[in-house]
Amino acid sequence: VNEQVDEFEFFLEKDWSDGLPVVTPTEERIARMLTGTKRSPDEVIGPIPPAMEVATVESVAVHALMAGCKPEYLPVVIEATEMMLRDEFNVNGVQGTMHGVAPMMIVNGPYAEEIGIHGGNGCMGPGFRANAAIGRAIRLVLTNLGQGIPGVSSMTIFGMPSRYTYCLTENMEDHPWDSLATSKGYG
């Protein structure tokens, strides 16, 4: 993007935005984002339905950058992308359904706290950068690589706010039950 072009309008015209401003992914910014992982930028994560564009570590990093992520959020975005591609998740169904569904990331453990993912009051609302940016990065991956575009392959009637971002952590200090990860056999 050159200086003569309005960057926000450029991304909107290309359908590379969710309607909100994005951070322009320059080579320098992408390189900085990739410092958040030890994985190779060329490593294939997998094809994103329904368009089946192949996600790589670098392409996921670009979308994390566009969403406003810090480099330390990148491992979570990569892992969430990998988890969505598991057969039991059925991301193709999530992408094309008429219902207002969206992937929800529940990130547990010390890393969630370290990078600032919030699980207390208002955790699904504004004001928590990690929650907002990580969830938004996943949506941009689904929209841009998977072409999960409303009215094209996403047939949600009205959509819903969680299609912008849906990421939180459990508030383990204030509830008496095991974490979701433990109940699923991971923790």
N, C-alpha and C. Protein backbone atom coordinates (compact mmCIF):
# COMPACT_ATOMS: atom_id res chain seq x y z
N VAL A 1 0.86 -1.17 0.00
CA VAL A 1 0.00 0.00 0.00
C VAL A 1 0.90 1.23 0.00
N ASN A 2 0.69 2.13 -0.95
CA ASN A 2 1.53 3.33 -0.98
C ASN A 2 0.85 4.47 -0.22
N GLU A 3 1.58 5.56 -0.05
CA GLU A 3 1.09 6.69 0.75
C GLU A 3 -0.12 7.38 0.13
N GLN A 4 -0.36 7.18 -1.16
CA GLN A 4 -1.47 7.84 -1.84
C GLN A 4 -2.80 7.12 -1.59
N VAL A 5 -2.74 5.93 -1.01
CA VAL A 5 -3.93 5.11 -0.82
C VAL A 5 -4.37 5.16 0.63
N ASP A 6 -5.66 5.31 0.85
CA ASP A 6 -6.23 5.23 2.19
C ASP A 6 -6.22 3.75 2.59
N GLU A 7 -5.37 3.39 3.54
CA GLU A 7 -5.19 1.98 3.89
C GLU A 7 -6.48 1.33 4.36
N PHE A 8 -7.24 2.02 5.17
CA PHE A 8 -8.49 1.45 5.68
C PHE A 8 -9.43 1.13 4.52
N GLU A 9 -9.59 2.06 3.60
CA GLU A 9 -10.46 1.84 2.45
C GLU A 9 -9.93 0.73 1.55
N PHE A 10 -8.61 0.66 1.41
CA PHE A 10 -7.98 -0.39 0.59
C PHE A 10 -8.39 -1.77 1.10
N PHE A 11 -8.27 -2.01 2.41
CA PHE A 11 -8.61 -3.31 2.97
C PHE A 11 -10.10 -3.59 2.88
N LEU A 12 -10.92 -2.57 3.03
CA LEU A 12 -12.37 -2.76 2.88
C LEU A 12 -12.73 -3.11 1.45
N GLU A 13 -12.15 -2.42 0.49
CA GLU A 13 -12.45 -2.67 -0.92
C GLU A 13 -12.02 -4.07 -1.35
N LYS A 14 -10.96 -4.58 -0.76
CA LYS A 14 -10.47 -5.93 -1.09
C LYS A 14 -11.21 -7.01 -0.30
N ASP A 15 -12.14 -6.62 0.57
CA ASP A 15 -12.84 -7.55 1.47
C ASP A 15 -11.87 -8.28 2.39
N TRP A 16 -10.79 -7.60 2.80
CA TRP A 16 -9.81 -8.18 3.70
C TRP A 16 -9.99 -7.70 5.14
N SER A 17 -11.08 -7.01 5.40
CA SER A 17 -11.36 -6.48 6.73
C SER A 17 -12.71 -6.99 7.19
N ASP A 18 -12.96 -6.89 8.46
CA ASP A 18 -14.26 -7.24 9.02
C ASP A 18 -15.13 -6.00 9.19
N GLY A 19 -14.73 -4.91 8.55
CA GLY A 19 -15.46 -3.65 8.67
C GLY A 19 -14.81 -2.68 9.63
N LEU A 20 -13.85 -3.17 10.39
CA LEU A 20 -13.10 -2.32 11.32
C LEU A 20 -11.71 -2.05 10.73
N PRO A 21 -11.04 -1.00 11.17
CA PRO A 21 -9.68 -0.74 10.68
C PRO A 21 -8.75 -1.91 11.01
N VAL A 22 -7.78 -2.13 10.15
CA VAL A 22 -6.78 -3.17 10.38
C VAL A 22 -5.38 -2.55 10.39
N VAL A 23 -4.46 -3.24 11.03
CA VAL A 23 -3.06 -2.83 11.01
C VAL A 23 -2.47 -3.30 9.68
N THR A 24 -1.87 -2.39 8.94
CA THR A 24 -1.30 -2.75 7.64
C THR A 24 -0.11 -3.68 7.84
N PRO A 25 -0.13 -4.86 7.21
CA PRO A 25 0.95 -5.83 7.39
C PRO A 25 2.16 -5.54 6.50
N THR A 26 3.04 -4.69 6.97
CA THR A 26 4.29 -4.43 6.25
C THR A 26 5.27 -5.56 6.53
N GLU A 27 6.32 -5.66 5.73
CA GLU A 27 7.32 -6.71 5.94
C GLU A 27 7.95 -6.60 7.33
N GLU A 28 8.23 -5.38 7.77
CA GLU A 28 8.83 -5.18 9.10
C GLU A 28 7.89 -5.64 10.21
N ARG A 29 6.61 -5.30 10.08
CA ARG A 29 5.64 -5.69 11.10
C ARG A 29 5.43 -7.20 11.12
N ILE A 30 5.40 -7.81 9.94
CA ILE A 30 5.24 -9.27 9.87
C ILE A 30 6.44 -9.96 10.53
N ALA A 31 7.64 -9.48 10.23
CA ALA A 31 8.85 -10.05 10.84
C ALA A 31 8.79 -9.94 12.37
N ARG A 32 8.32 -8.80 12.87
CA ARG A 32 8.20 -8.61 14.31
C ARG A 32 7.15 -9.57 14.88
N MET A 33 6.03 -9.74 14.19
CA MET A 33 4.99 -10.66 14.67
C MET A 33 5.54 -12.08 14.73
N LEU A 34 6.33 -12.47 13.75
CA LEU A 34 6.86 -13.83 13.71
C LEU A 34 7.86 -14.12 14.83
N THR A 35 8.33 -13.08 15.53
CA THR A 35 9.19 -13.32 16.69
C THR A 35 8.41 -13.98 17.83
N GLY A 36 7.09 -14.00 17.72
CA GLY A 36 6.26 -14.63 18.74
C GLY A 36 6.22 -16.15 18.68
N THR A 37 6.85 -16.74 17.66
CA THR A 37 6.86 -18.20 17.53
C THR A 37 8.23 -18.67 17.06
N LYS A 38 8.54 -19.92 17.40
CA LYS A 38 9.78 -20.54 16.91
C LYS A 38 9.50 -21.38 15.67
N ARG A 39 8.25 -21.44 15.26
CA ARG A 39 7.88 -22.24 14.10
C ARG A 39 8.27 -21.53 12.81
N SER A 40 8.53 -22.30 11.78
CA SER A 40 8.93 -21.74 10.49
C SER A 40 7.76 -21.01 9.84
N PRO A 41 8.00 -19.84 9.27
CA PRO A 41 6.92 -19.10 8.60
C PRO A 41 6.25 -19.91 7.49
N ASP A 42 6.98 -20.81 6.85
CA ASP A 42 6.45 -21.61 5.75
C ASP A 42 5.71 -22.86 6.21
N GLU A 43 5.72 -23.14 7.50
CA GLU A 43 5.06 -24.35 8.00
C GLU A 43 3.56 -24.29 7.68
N VAL A 44 3.06 -25.36 7.10
CA VAL A 44 1.65 -25.44 6.74
C VAL A 44 0.83 -25.83 7.96
N ILE A 45 -0.21 -25.05 8.21
CA ILE A 45 -1.16 -25.37 9.27
C ILE A 45 -2.30 -26.20 8.70
N GLY A 46 -2.79 -25.81 7.53
CA GLY A 46 -3.83 -26.59 6.87
C GLY A 46 -4.73 -25.71 6.03
N PRO A 47 -5.58 -26.34 5.21
CA PRO A 47 -6.51 -25.59 4.37
C PRO A 47 -7.72 -25.11 5.18
N ILE A 48 -8.12 -23.86 4.95
CA ILE A 48 -9.24 -23.27 5.68
C ILE A 48 -10.51 -23.36 4.82
N PRO A 49 -11.52 -24.11 5.25
CA PRO A 49 -12.75 -24.23 4.48
C PRO A 49 -13.56 -22.93 4.49
N PRO A 50 -14.44 -22.72 3.53
CA PRO A 50 -14.69 -23.61 2.41
C PRO A 50 -13.77 -23.36 1.21
N ALA A 51 -13.06 -22.25 1.16
CA ALA A 51 -12.21 -21.95 0.00
C ALA A 51 -10.98 -22.84 -0.05
N MET A 52 -10.58 -23.38 1.10
CA MET A 52 -9.44 -24.29 1.22
C MET A 52 -8.11 -23.63 0.90
N GLU A 53 -8.02 -22.32 1.11
CA GLU A 53 -6.73 -21.62 1.02
C GLU A 53 -5.86 -22.15 2.16
N VAL A 54 -4.62 -22.49 1.85
CA VAL A 54 -3.75 -23.09 2.85
C VAL A 54 -3.21 -22.03 3.80
N ALA A 55 -3.45 -22.26 5.08
CA ALA A 55 -2.91 -21.39 6.12
C ALA A 55 -1.50 -21.86 6.46
N THR A 56 -0.59 -20.91 6.54
CA THR A 56 0.77 -21.18 7.01
C THR A 56 0.98 -20.37 8.28
N VAL A 57 2.07 -20.63 8.96
CA VAL A 57 2.40 -19.83 10.14
C VAL A 57 2.46 -18.36 9.76
N GLU A 58 3.07 -18.05 8.61
CA GLU A 58 3.18 -16.65 8.20
C GLU A 58 1.82 -16.04 7.87
N SER A 59 0.96 -16.75 7.16
CA SER A 59 -0.34 -16.15 6.81
C SER A 59 -1.20 -15.95 8.06
N VAL A 60 -1.08 -16.84 9.03
CA VAL A 60 -1.79 -16.64 10.29
C VAL A 60 -1.20 -15.45 11.03
N ALA A 61 0.12 -15.30 10.99
CA ALA A 61 0.78 -14.14 11.61
C ALA A 61 0.31 -12.84 10.98
N VAL A 62 0.14 -12.83 9.67
CA VAL A 62 -0.35 -11.63 8.98
C VAL A 62 -1.73 -11.26 9.51
N HIS A 63 -2.61 -12.23 9.66
CA HIS A 63 -3.95 -11.94 10.14
C HIS A 63 -3.95 -11.54 11.61
N ALA A 64 -3.06 -12.13 12.40
CA ALA A 64 -2.92 -11.71 13.79
C ALA A 64 -2.47 -10.26 13.86
N LEU A 65 -1.54 -9.89 13.02
CA LEU A 65 -1.07 -8.51 12.95
C LEU A 65 -2.20 -7.58 12.56
N MET A 66 -2.93 -7.93 11.50
CA MET A 66 -4.04 -7.10 11.03
C MET A 66 -5.07 -6.88 12.14
N ALA A 67 -5.26 -7.91 12.99
CA ALA A 67 -6.25 -7.84 14.06
C ALA A 67 -5.78 -7.04 15.27
N GLY A 68 -4.49 -6.69 15.31
CA GLY A 68 -3.97 -5.92 16.43
C GLY A 68 -3.30 -6.75 17.50
N CYS A 69 -2.92 -7.99 17.18
CA CYS A 69 -2.25 -8.85 18.15
C CYS A 69 -0.82 -8.39 18.42
N LYS A 70 -0.34 -8.71 19.60
CA LYS A 70 1.07 -8.60 19.94
C LYS A 70 1.73 -9.92 19.54
N PRO A 71 3.06 -9.93 19.32
CA PRO A 71 3.73 -11.19 18.95
C PRO A 71 3.48 -12.32 19.94
N GLU A 72 3.36 -12.00 21.22
CA GLU A 72 3.15 -13.06 22.21
C GLU A 72 1.77 -13.71 22.11
N TYR A 73 0.84 -13.10 21.37
CA TYR A 73 -0.47 -13.72 21.15
C TYR A 73 -0.41 -14.76 20.04
N LEU A 74 0.60 -14.69 19.18
CA LEU A 74 0.64 -15.53 17.98
C LEU A 74 0.55 -17.02 18.27
N PRO A 75 1.24 -17.58 19.27
CA PRO A 75 1.09 -19.02 19.51
C PRO A 75 -0.36 -19.43 19.78
N VAL A 76 -1.12 -18.58 20.44
CA VAL A 76 -2.53 -18.88 20.72
C VAL A 76 -3.33 -18.87 19.42
N VAL A 77 -3.08 -17.91 18.56
CA VAL A 77 -3.80 -17.83 17.29
C VAL A 77 -3.47 -19.03 16.40
N ILE A 78 -2.20 -19.41 16.37
CA ILE A 78 -1.80 -20.59 15.58
C ILE A 78 -2.47 -21.84 16.12
N GLU A 79 -2.40 -22.03 17.43
CA GLU A 79 -3.01 -23.22 18.05
C GLU A 79 -4.52 -23.24 17.83
N ALA A 80 -5.17 -22.11 17.96
CA ALA A 80 -6.62 -22.05 17.72
C ALA A 80 -6.95 -22.41 16.28
N THR A 81 -6.13 -21.95 15.35
CA THR A 81 -6.35 -22.30 13.94
C THR A 81 -6.21 -23.80 13.75
N GLU A 82 -5.19 -24.39 14.35
CA GLU A 82 -5.01 -25.85 14.26
C GLU A 82 -6.19 -26.59 14.87
N MET A 83 -6.65 -26.13 16.02
CA MET A 83 -7.78 -26.79 16.68
C MET A 83 -9.05 -26.72 15.83
N MET A 84 -9.27 -25.59 15.17
CA MET A 84 -10.47 -25.45 14.33
C MET A 84 -10.45 -26.41 13.15
N LEU A 85 -9.29 -26.83 12.72
CA LEU A 85 -9.18 -27.71 11.56
C LEU A 85 -9.37 -29.18 11.91
N ARG A 86 -9.55 -29.49 13.18
CA ARG A 86 -9.82 -30.88 13.56
C ARG A 86 -11.20 -31.27 13.04
N ASP A 87 -11.33 -32.51 12.61
CA ASP A 87 -12.60 -32.99 12.05
C ASP A 87 -13.77 -32.79 13.00
N GLU A 88 -13.57 -33.06 14.28
CA GLU A 88 -14.68 -32.97 15.23
C GLU A 88 -15.18 -31.53 15.43
N PHE A 89 -14.40 -30.55 15.04
CA PHE A 89 -14.86 -29.16 15.15
C PHE A 89 -15.81 -28.79 14.01
N ASN A 90 -15.58 -29.31 12.82
CA ASN A 90 -16.40 -29.04 11.64
C ASN A 90 -16.43 -27.55 11.29
N VAL A 91 -15.26 -26.98 11.05
CA VAL A 91 -15.18 -25.55 10.72
C VAL A 91 -15.93 -25.23 9.43
N ASN A 92 -16.03 -26.18 8.51
CA ASN A 92 -16.79 -25.94 7.29
C ASN A 92 -18.26 -25.69 7.63
N GLY A 93 -18.79 -26.44 8.57
CA GLY A 93 -20.16 -26.22 9.02
C GLY A 93 -20.33 -24.88 9.71
N VAL A 94 -19.35 -24.51 10.52
CA VAL A 94 -19.38 -23.20 11.20
C VAL A 94 -19.35 -22.08 10.17
N GLN A 95 -18.55 -22.25 9.13
CA GLN A 95 -18.41 -21.22 8.10
C GLN A 95 -19.70 -21.03 7.30
N GLY A 96 -20.41 -22.11 6.99
CA GLY A 96 -21.52 -22.01 6.05
C GLY A 96 -22.91 -22.02 6.65
N THR A 97 -23.03 -22.18 7.94
CA THR A 97 -24.34 -22.32 8.56
C THR A 97 -25.17 -21.05 8.48
N MET A 98 -26.48 -21.23 8.64
CA MET A 98 -27.40 -20.09 8.72
C MET A 98 -27.51 -19.59 10.16
N HIS A 99 -27.02 -20.38 11.11
CA HIS A 99 -27.11 -20.01 12.52
C HIS A 99 -26.01 -19.02 12.89
N GLY A 100 -26.20 -18.34 13.98
CA GLY A 100 -25.23 -17.35 14.44
C GLY A 100 -24.17 -17.97 15.33
N VAL A 101 -23.38 -18.88 14.79
CA VAL A 101 -22.33 -19.52 15.57
C VAL A 101 -20.97 -18.95 15.22
N ALA A 102 -20.04 -19.12 16.14
CA ALA A 102 -18.67 -18.64 15.92
C ALA A 102 -17.73 -19.46 16.81
N PRO A 103 -16.49 -19.65 16.39
CA PRO A 103 -15.53 -20.33 17.24
C PRO A 103 -15.25 -19.52 18.51
N MET A 104 -15.31 -20.20 19.64
CA MET A 104 -14.99 -19.54 20.91
C MET A 104 -13.72 -20.18 21.45
N MET A 105 -12.73 -19.35 21.72
CA MET A 105 -11.49 -19.84 22.28
C MET A 105 -11.49 -19.62 23.79
N ILE A 106 -11.29 -20.71 24.52
CA ILE A 106 -11.10 -20.62 25.97
C ILE A 106 -9.65 -21.03 26.21
N VAL A 107 -8.84 -20.07 26.58
CA VAL A 107 -7.40 -20.29 26.74
C VAL A 107 -7.12 -20.40 28.23
N ASN A 108 -6.52 -21.51 28.66
CA ASN A 108 -6.25 -21.73 30.07
C ASN A 108 -4.76 -21.77 30.36
N GLY A 109 -4.45 -21.73 31.63
CA GLY A 109 -3.08 -21.89 32.08
C GLY A 109 -2.37 -20.57 32.30
N PRO A 110 -1.13 -20.66 32.77
CA PRO A 110 -0.37 -19.46 33.10
C PRO A 110 -0.13 -18.55 31.90
N TYR A 111 -0.04 -19.13 30.69
CA TYR A 111 0.23 -18.29 29.53
C TYR A 111 -0.93 -17.34 29.26
N ALA A 112 -2.15 -17.79 29.49
CA ALA A 112 -3.31 -16.92 29.30
C ALA A 112 -3.20 -15.69 30.19
N GLU A 113 -2.82 -15.91 31.44
CA GLU A 113 -2.64 -14.79 32.37
C GLU A 113 -1.45 -13.92 31.96
N GLU A 114 -0.37 -14.57 31.55
CA GLU A 114 0.85 -13.85 31.16
C GLU A 114 0.60 -12.86 30.02
N ILE A 115 -0.21 -13.26 29.05
CA ILE A 115 -0.44 -12.37 27.90
C ILE A 115 -1.68 -11.50 28.07
N GLY A 116 -2.37 -11.63 29.20
CA GLY A 116 -3.46 -10.71 29.50
C GLY A 116 -4.84 -11.11 29.02
N ILE A 117 -5.06 -12.41 28.77
CA ILE A 117 -6.41 -12.84 28.42
C ILE A 117 -7.25 -12.77 29.69
N HIS A 118 -8.41 -12.15 29.59
CA HIS A 118 -9.25 -11.86 30.75
C HIS A 118 -10.39 -12.86 30.84
N GLY A 119 -10.72 -13.28 32.05
CA GLY A 119 -11.82 -14.21 32.27
C GLY A 119 -12.79 -13.74 33.33
N GLY A 120 -12.64 -12.53 33.79
CA GLY A 120 -13.53 -12.01 34.82
C GLY A 120 -14.67 -11.20 34.25
N ASN A 121 -15.17 -10.28 35.04
CA ASN A 121 -16.30 -9.45 34.62
C ASN A 121 -16.04 -8.77 33.29
N GLY A 122 -17.00 -8.87 32.41
CA GLY A 122 -16.92 -8.18 31.13
C GLY A 122 -15.96 -8.80 30.13
N CYS A 123 -15.55 -10.05 30.37
CA CYS A 123 -14.50 -10.65 29.52
C CYS A 123 -14.89 -10.78 28.06
N MET A 124 -16.18 -10.76 27.75
CA MET A 124 -16.58 -10.84 26.34
C MET A 124 -16.96 -9.47 25.78
N GLY A 125 -16.62 -8.43 26.52
CA GLY A 125 -16.90 -7.08 26.08
C GLY A 125 -15.64 -6.33 25.73
N PRO A 126 -15.77 -5.03 25.52
CA PRO A 126 -14.61 -4.22 25.15
C PRO A 126 -13.65 -4.01 26.31
N GLY A 127 -12.42 -3.66 25.97
CA GLY A 127 -11.46 -3.26 26.98
C GLY A 127 -10.36 -4.24 27.26
N PHE A 128 -10.37 -5.40 26.61
CA PHE A 128 -9.36 -6.42 26.88
C PHE A 128 -8.69 -6.79 25.56
N ARG A 129 -7.54 -6.18 25.32
CA ARG A 129 -6.88 -6.30 24.02
C ARG A 129 -6.61 -7.75 23.61
N ALA A 130 -6.07 -8.55 24.50
CA ALA A 130 -5.74 -9.93 24.13
C ALA A 130 -6.99 -10.67 23.69
N ASN A 131 -8.06 -10.57 24.48
CA ASN A 131 -9.31 -11.24 24.12
C ASN A 131 -9.79 -10.79 22.75
N ALA A 132 -9.85 -9.48 22.56
CA ALA A 132 -10.39 -8.92 21.32
C ALA A 132 -9.53 -9.25 20.12
N ALA A 133 -8.22 -9.06 20.24
CA ALA A 133 -7.34 -9.24 19.09
C ALA A 133 -7.19 -10.70 18.69
N ILE A 134 -7.09 -11.60 19.66
CA ILE A 134 -6.94 -13.02 19.34
C ILE A 134 -8.20 -13.54 18.65
N GLY A 135 -9.36 -13.24 19.21
CA GLY A 135 -10.60 -13.67 18.58
C GLY A 135 -10.78 -13.07 17.20
N ARG A 136 -10.43 -11.81 17.06
CA ARG A 136 -10.55 -11.14 15.76
C ARG A 136 -9.59 -11.75 14.74
N ALA A 137 -8.39 -12.13 15.17
CA ALA A 137 -7.44 -12.76 14.25
C ALA A 137 -8.02 -14.05 13.68
N ILE A 138 -8.66 -14.84 14.52
CA ILE A 138 -9.28 -16.07 14.06
C ILE A 138 -10.37 -15.76 13.03
N ARG A 139 -11.17 -14.74 13.30
CA ARG A 139 -12.22 -14.37 12.35
C ARG A 139 -11.62 -13.93 11.02
N LEU A 140 -10.54 -13.16 11.05
CA LEU A 140 -9.92 -12.72 9.80
C LEU A 140 -9.33 -13.90 9.02
N VAL A 141 -8.77 -14.88 9.73
CA VAL A 141 -8.29 -16.10 9.05
C VAL A 141 -9.46 -16.79 8.36
N LEU A 142 -10.57 -16.95 9.08
CA LEU A 142 -11.74 -17.63 8.50
C LEU A 142 -12.33 -16.85 7.33
N THR A 143 -12.32 -15.53 7.44
CA THR A 143 -12.89 -14.70 6.38
C THR A 143 -11.98 -14.64 5.16
N ASN A 144 -10.71 -14.38 5.38
CA ASN A 144 -9.80 -14.15 4.25
C ASN A 144 -9.25 -15.43 3.63
N LEU A 145 -8.84 -16.38 4.44
CA LEU A 145 -8.31 -17.62 3.88
C LEU A 145 -9.43 -18.61 3.55
N GLY A 146 -10.46 -18.64 4.37
CA GLY A 146 -11.57 -19.56 4.14
C GLY A 146 -12.70 -18.97 3.32
N GLN A 147 -12.63 -17.67 3.07
CA GLN A 147 -13.70 -16.96 2.34
C GLN A 147 -15.04 -17.11 3.04
N GLY A 148 -15.03 -17.07 4.38
CA GLY A 148 -16.26 -17.11 5.16
C GLY A 148 -16.93 -15.76 5.15
N ILE A 149 -17.35 -15.34 3.97
CA ILE A 149 -17.90 -14.00 3.76
C ILE A 149 -19.42 -14.04 3.82
N PRO A 150 -20.04 -13.17 4.63
CA PRO A 150 -21.50 -13.16 4.72
C PRO A 150 -22.16 -13.02 3.35
N GLY A 151 -23.13 -13.90 3.11
CA GLY A 151 -23.86 -13.87 1.86
C GLY A 151 -23.17 -14.59 0.72
N VAL A 152 -21.92 -14.99 0.91
CA VAL A 152 -21.19 -15.73 -0.12
C VAL A 152 -21.09 -17.19 0.31
N SER A 153 -20.36 -17.45 1.37
CA SER A 153 -20.29 -18.82 1.89
C SER A 153 -20.81 -18.89 3.32
N SER A 154 -20.87 -17.79 4.01
CA SER A 154 -21.45 -17.72 5.35
C SER A 154 -22.90 -17.28 5.19
N MET A 155 -23.81 -18.15 5.56
CA MET A 155 -25.22 -17.88 5.33
C MET A 155 -25.98 -17.48 6.59
N THR A 156 -25.26 -16.99 7.60
CA THR A 156 -25.96 -16.56 8.81
C THR A 156 -26.99 -15.51 8.46
N ILE A 157 -28.15 -15.64 9.06
CA ILE A 157 -29.24 -14.72 8.76
C ILE A 157 -28.87 -13.31 9.23
N PHE A 158 -28.55 -13.18 10.50
CA PHE A 158 -28.20 -11.86 11.05
C PHE A 158 -26.76 -11.77 11.51
N GLY A 159 -26.09 -12.91 11.66
CA GLY A 159 -24.76 -12.89 12.26
C GLY A 159 -24.88 -12.68 13.75
N MET A 160 -23.80 -12.40 14.40
CA MET A 160 -23.83 -12.08 15.82
C MET A 160 -22.49 -11.48 16.22
N PRO A 161 -22.46 -10.73 17.33
CA PRO A 161 -21.22 -10.06 17.73
C PRO A 161 -20.04 -11.02 17.93
N SER A 162 -20.30 -12.26 18.31
CA SER A 162 -19.20 -13.20 18.52
C SER A 162 -18.49 -13.54 17.21
N ARG A 163 -19.06 -13.15 16.09
CA ARG A 163 -18.37 -13.37 14.82
C ARG A 163 -17.28 -12.32 14.60
N TYR A 164 -17.18 -11.34 15.46
CA TYR A 164 -16.04 -10.42 15.44
C TYR A 164 -14.90 -10.99 16.28
N THR A 165 -15.23 -11.42 17.49
CA THR A 165 -14.21 -11.93 18.40
C THR A 165 -14.88 -12.74 19.49
N TYR A 166 -14.21 -13.83 19.92
CA TYR A 166 -14.81 -14.71 20.93
C TYR A 166 -13.68 -15.46 21.63
N CYS A 167 -13.00 -14.81 22.54
CA CYS A 167 -11.85 -15.39 23.21
C CYS A 167 -11.86 -14.97 24.67
N LEU A 168 -11.61 -15.91 25.57
CA LEU A 168 -11.56 -15.61 26.99
C LEU A 168 -10.76 -16.69 27.70
N THR A 169 -10.56 -16.51 28.98
CA THR A 169 -9.98 -17.55 29.82
C THR A 169 -10.95 -17.81 30.95
N GLU A 170 -10.81 -18.95 31.60
CA GLU A 170 -11.67 -19.24 32.74
C GLU A 170 -11.14 -18.50 33.97
N ASN A 171 -12.04 -18.04 34.79
CA ASN A 171 -11.68 -17.36 36.02
C ASN A 171 -11.51 -18.43 37.10
N MET A 172 -10.36 -19.08 37.09
CA MET A 172 -10.12 -20.23 37.97
C MET A 172 -10.09 -19.86 39.45
N GLU A 173 -9.79 -18.62 39.75
CA GLU A 173 -9.72 -18.20 41.15
C GLU A 173 -11.10 -18.10 41.80
N ASP A 174 -12.13 -17.86 41.00
CA ASP A 174 -13.45 -17.59 41.56
C ASP A 174 -14.49 -18.68 41.32
N HIS A 175 -14.08 -19.86 40.85
CA HIS A 175 -15.08 -20.93 40.74
C HIS A 175 -14.53 -22.24 41.29
N PRO A 176 -15.42 -23.07 41.82
CA PRO A 176 -14.99 -24.27 42.54
C PRO A 176 -14.76 -25.51 41.68
N TRP A 177 -15.09 -25.49 40.42
CA TRP A 177 -14.99 -26.69 39.58
C TRP A 177 -13.68 -26.74 38.82
N ASP A 178 -13.43 -27.90 38.23
CA ASP A 178 -12.22 -28.07 37.42
C ASP A 178 -12.30 -27.21 36.16
N SER A 179 -11.14 -26.92 35.61
CA SER A 179 -11.10 -26.15 34.36
C SER A 179 -11.67 -26.99 33.22
N LEU A 180 -12.06 -26.34 32.16
CA LEU A 180 -12.55 -27.04 30.97
C LEU A 180 -11.47 -27.98 30.45
N ALA A 181 -10.21 -27.53 30.44
CA ALA A 181 -9.12 -28.38 29.96
C ALA A 181 -9.02 -29.65 30.79
N THR A 182 -9.14 -29.55 32.10
CA THR A 182 -9.09 -30.72 32.98
C THR A 182 -10.27 -31.64 32.71
N SER A 183 -11.46 -31.07 32.58
CA SER A 183 -12.65 -31.89 32.35
C SER A 183 -12.61 -32.60 31.00
N LYS A 184 -11.84 -32.07 30.06
CA LYS A 184 -11.69 -32.70 28.74
C LYS A 184 -10.48 -33.63 28.68
N GLY A 185 -9.75 -33.75 29.80
CA GLY A 185 -8.61 -34.66 29.86
C GLY A 185 -7.29 -34.08 29.42
N TYR A 186 -7.20 -32.74 29.32
CA TYR A 186 -5.95 -32.11 28.87
C TYR A 186 -5.12 -31.55 30.01
N GLY A 187 -5.70 -31.38 31.19
CA GLY A 187 -4.97 -30.66 32.23
C GLY A 187 -4.76 -31.39 33.49
